[in-house]
Amino acid sequence: MLRTEHVARITGLSASTLTKLRLTGGGPHYIKLGRTVVYDPADIEAWLSANRRSSTSASLRDHSGPPHSDANRKAGRSAERS
């Protein structure tokens, strides 16, 4: 099992980014052991493979679901205010 700091070094992401991904989703699967967060190396490899791209124009929608547009966010906010 790997701690957040080790995964940050492997992926090139900051520990803070990994923390945010745990809250918002989209990051690698993790395991909570009490207050400690650990990652299975196989899950890190799978997540890295799933995020592999062949060009900068590759659509994220193909891999992560529907995009969140400004129009969708604004529509959601106006519905909440009503």
C-alpha atoms as a PDB file:
ATOM      1  CA  MET A   1       0.000   0.000   0.000  1.00  0.00           C
ATOM      2  CA  LEU A   2       1.152   3.515  -0.802  1.00  0.00           C
ATOM      3  CA  ARG A   3       0.593   6.725   1.142  1.00  0.00           C
ATOM      4  CA  THR A   4      -0.613   9.928  -0.506  1.00  0.00           C
ATOM      5  CA  GLU A   5       2.850  11.509  -0.599  1.00  0.00           C
ATOM      6  CA  HIS A   6       4.297   8.505  -2.437  1.00  0.00           C
ATOM      7  CA  VAL A   7       1.445   8.501  -4.973  1.00  0.00           C
ATOM      8  CA  ALA A   8       2.006  12.226  -5.490  1.00  0.00           C
ATOM      9  CA  ARG A   9       5.645  11.539  -6.429  1.00  0.00           C
ATOM     10  CA  ILE A  10       4.642   8.670  -8.757  1.00  0.00           C
ATOM     11  CA  THR A  11       1.934  10.635 -10.581  1.00  0.00           C
ATOM     12  CA  GLY A  12       3.540  14.070 -10.556  1.00  0.00           C
ATOM     13  CA  LEU A  13       0.472  15.492  -8.808  1.00  0.00           C
ATOM     14  CA  SER A  14       0.578  17.282  -5.496  1.00  0.00           C
ATOM     15  CA  ALA A  15      -0.740  15.652  -2.336  1.00  0.00           C
ATOM     16  CA  SER A  16      -3.284  18.485  -2.221  1.00  0.00           C
ATOM     17  CA  THR A  17      -4.569  17.585  -5.689  1.00  0.00           C
ATOM     18  CA  LEU A  18      -4.971  13.944  -4.662  1.00  0.00           C
ATOM     19  CA  THR A  19      -6.915  15.096  -1.593  1.00  0.00           C
ATOM     20  CA  LYS A  20      -9.219  17.185  -3.790  1.00  0.00           C
ATOM     21  CA  LEU A  21      -9.706  14.269  -6.186  1.00  0.00           C
ATOM     22  CA  ARG A  22     -10.795  12.108  -3.241  1.00  0.00           C
ATOM     23  CA  LEU A  23     -13.470  14.695  -2.454  1.00  0.00           C
ATOM     24  CA  THR A  24     -14.649  15.378  -6.002  1.00  0.00           C
ATOM     25  CA  GLY A  25     -14.051  12.014  -7.647  1.00  0.00           C
ATOM     26  CA  GLY A  26     -12.011  11.290 -10.719  1.00  0.00           C
ATOM     27  CA  GLY A  27      -8.889  10.222  -8.877  1.00  0.00           C
ATOM     28  CA  PRO A  28      -7.520   6.761  -8.222  1.00  0.00           C
ATOM     29  CA  HIS A  29      -9.379   4.422  -5.881  1.00  0.00           C
ATOM     30  CA  TYR A  30      -8.160   4.638  -2.304  1.00  0.00           C
ATOM     31  CA  ILE A  31      -8.584   2.842   1.001  1.00  0.00           C
ATOM     32  CA  LYS A  32      -9.289   4.452   4.381  1.00  0.00           C
ATOM     33  CA  LEU A  33      -7.652   2.715   7.320  1.00  0.00           C
ATOM     34  CA  GLY A  34      -8.941   4.707  10.250  1.00  0.00           C
ATOM     35  CA  ARG A  35      -7.732   8.237   9.507  1.00  0.00           C
ATOM     36  CA  THR A  36      -4.999   7.049   7.140  1.00  0.00           C
ATOM     37  CA  VAL A  37      -5.479   7.032   3.353  1.00  0.00           C
ATOM     38  CA  VAL A  38      -3.581   4.439   1.332  1.00  0.00           C
ATOM     39  CA  TYR A  39      -3.602   3.430  -2.306  1.00  0.00           C
ATOM     40  CA  ASP A  40      -3.179  -0.006  -3.857  1.00  0.00           C
ATOM     41  CA  PRO A  41      -0.399   0.169  -6.489  1.00  0.00           C
ATOM     42  CA  ALA A  42      -2.635  -1.768  -8.908  1.00  0.00           C
ATOM     43  CA  ASP A  43      -5.297   0.966  -8.600  1.00  0.00           C
ATOM     44  CA  ILE A  44      -2.705   3.650  -9.357  1.00  0.00           C
ATOM     45  CA  GLU A  45      -1.561   1.787 -12.475  1.00  0.00           C
ATOM     46  CA  ALA A  46      -5.179   1.279 -13.606  1.00  0.00           C
ATOM     47  CA  TRP A  47      -5.996   4.964 -13.071  1.00  0.00           C
ATOM     48  CA  LEU A  48      -2.914   6.097 -14.960  1.00  0.00           C
ATOM     49  CA  SER A  49      -3.746   3.732 -17.832  1.00  0.00           C
ATOM     50  CA  ALA A  50      -7.357   4.936 -17.949  1.00  0.00           C
ATOM     51  CA  ASN A  51      -6.129   8.535 -18.263  1.00  0.00           C
ATOM     52  CA  ARG A  52      -3.675   7.850 -21.060  1.00  0.00           C
ATOM     53  CA  ARG A  53      -4.147  10.105 -24.113  1.00  0.00           C
ATOM     54  CA  SER A  54      -2.670   9.999 -27.583  1.00  0.00           C
ATOM     55  CA  SER A  55      -3.078  13.721 -28.244  1.00  0.00           C
ATOM     56  CA  THR A  56      -3.988  16.949 -26.496  1.00  0.00           C
ATOM     57  CA  SER A  57      -7.206  17.098 -28.522  1.00  0.00           C
ATOM     58  CA  ALA A  58      -8.484  13.770 -27.157  1.00  0.00           C
ATOM     59  CA  SER A  59     -11.874  14.385 -25.598  1.00  0.00           C
ATOM     60  CA  LEU A  60     -12.112  14.011 -21.848  1.00  0.00           C
ATOM     61  CA  ARG A  61     -15.799  13.210 -22.350  1.00  0.00           C
ATOM     62  CA  ASP A  62     -14.757   9.842 -23.803  1.00  0.00           C
ATOM     63  CA  HIS A  63     -13.207   8.917 -20.442  1.00  0.00           C
ATOM     64  CA  SER A  64     -14.879  10.846 -17.652  1.00  0.00           C
ATOM     65  CA  GLY A  65     -18.561  11.235 -18.529  1.00  0.00           C
ATOM     66  CA  PRO A  66     -20.488  14.321 -19.571  1.00  0.00           C
ATOM     67  CA  PRO A  67     -18.736  17.677 -19.436  1.00  0.00           C
ATOM     68  CA  HIS A  68     -19.820  20.335 -16.945  1.00  0.00           C
ATOM     69  CA  SER A  69     -20.568  23.426 -18.981  1.00  0.00           C
ATOM     70  CA  ASP A  70     -21.113  26.926 -17.651  1.00  0.00           C
ATOM     71  CA  ALA A  71     -24.670  26.799 -19.000  1.00  0.00           C
ATOM     72  CA  ASN A  72     -25.413  23.656 -16.985  1.00  0.00           C
ATOM     73  CA  ARG A  73     -23.975  25.199 -13.817  1.00  0.00           C
ATOM     74  CA  LYS A  74     -25.930  28.434 -14.305  1.00  0.00           C
ATOM     75  CA  ALA A  75     -29.147  26.493 -14.945  1.00  0.00           C
ATOM     76  CA  GLY A  76     -28.569  24.545 -11.739  1.00  0.00           C
ATOM     77  CA  ARG A  77     -28.013  27.714  -9.725  1.00  0.00           C
ATOM     78  CA  SER A  78     -31.144  29.416 -11.057  1.00  0.00           C
ATOM     79  CA  ALA A  79     -33.189  26.294 -10.289  1.00  0.00           C
ATOM     80  CA  GLU A  80     -31.828  26.321  -6.717  1.00  0.00           C
ATOM     81  CA  ARG A  81     -32.812  29.959  -6.238  1.00  0.00           C
ATOM     82  CA  SER A  82     -36.403  29.389  -7.407  1.00  0.00           C
END
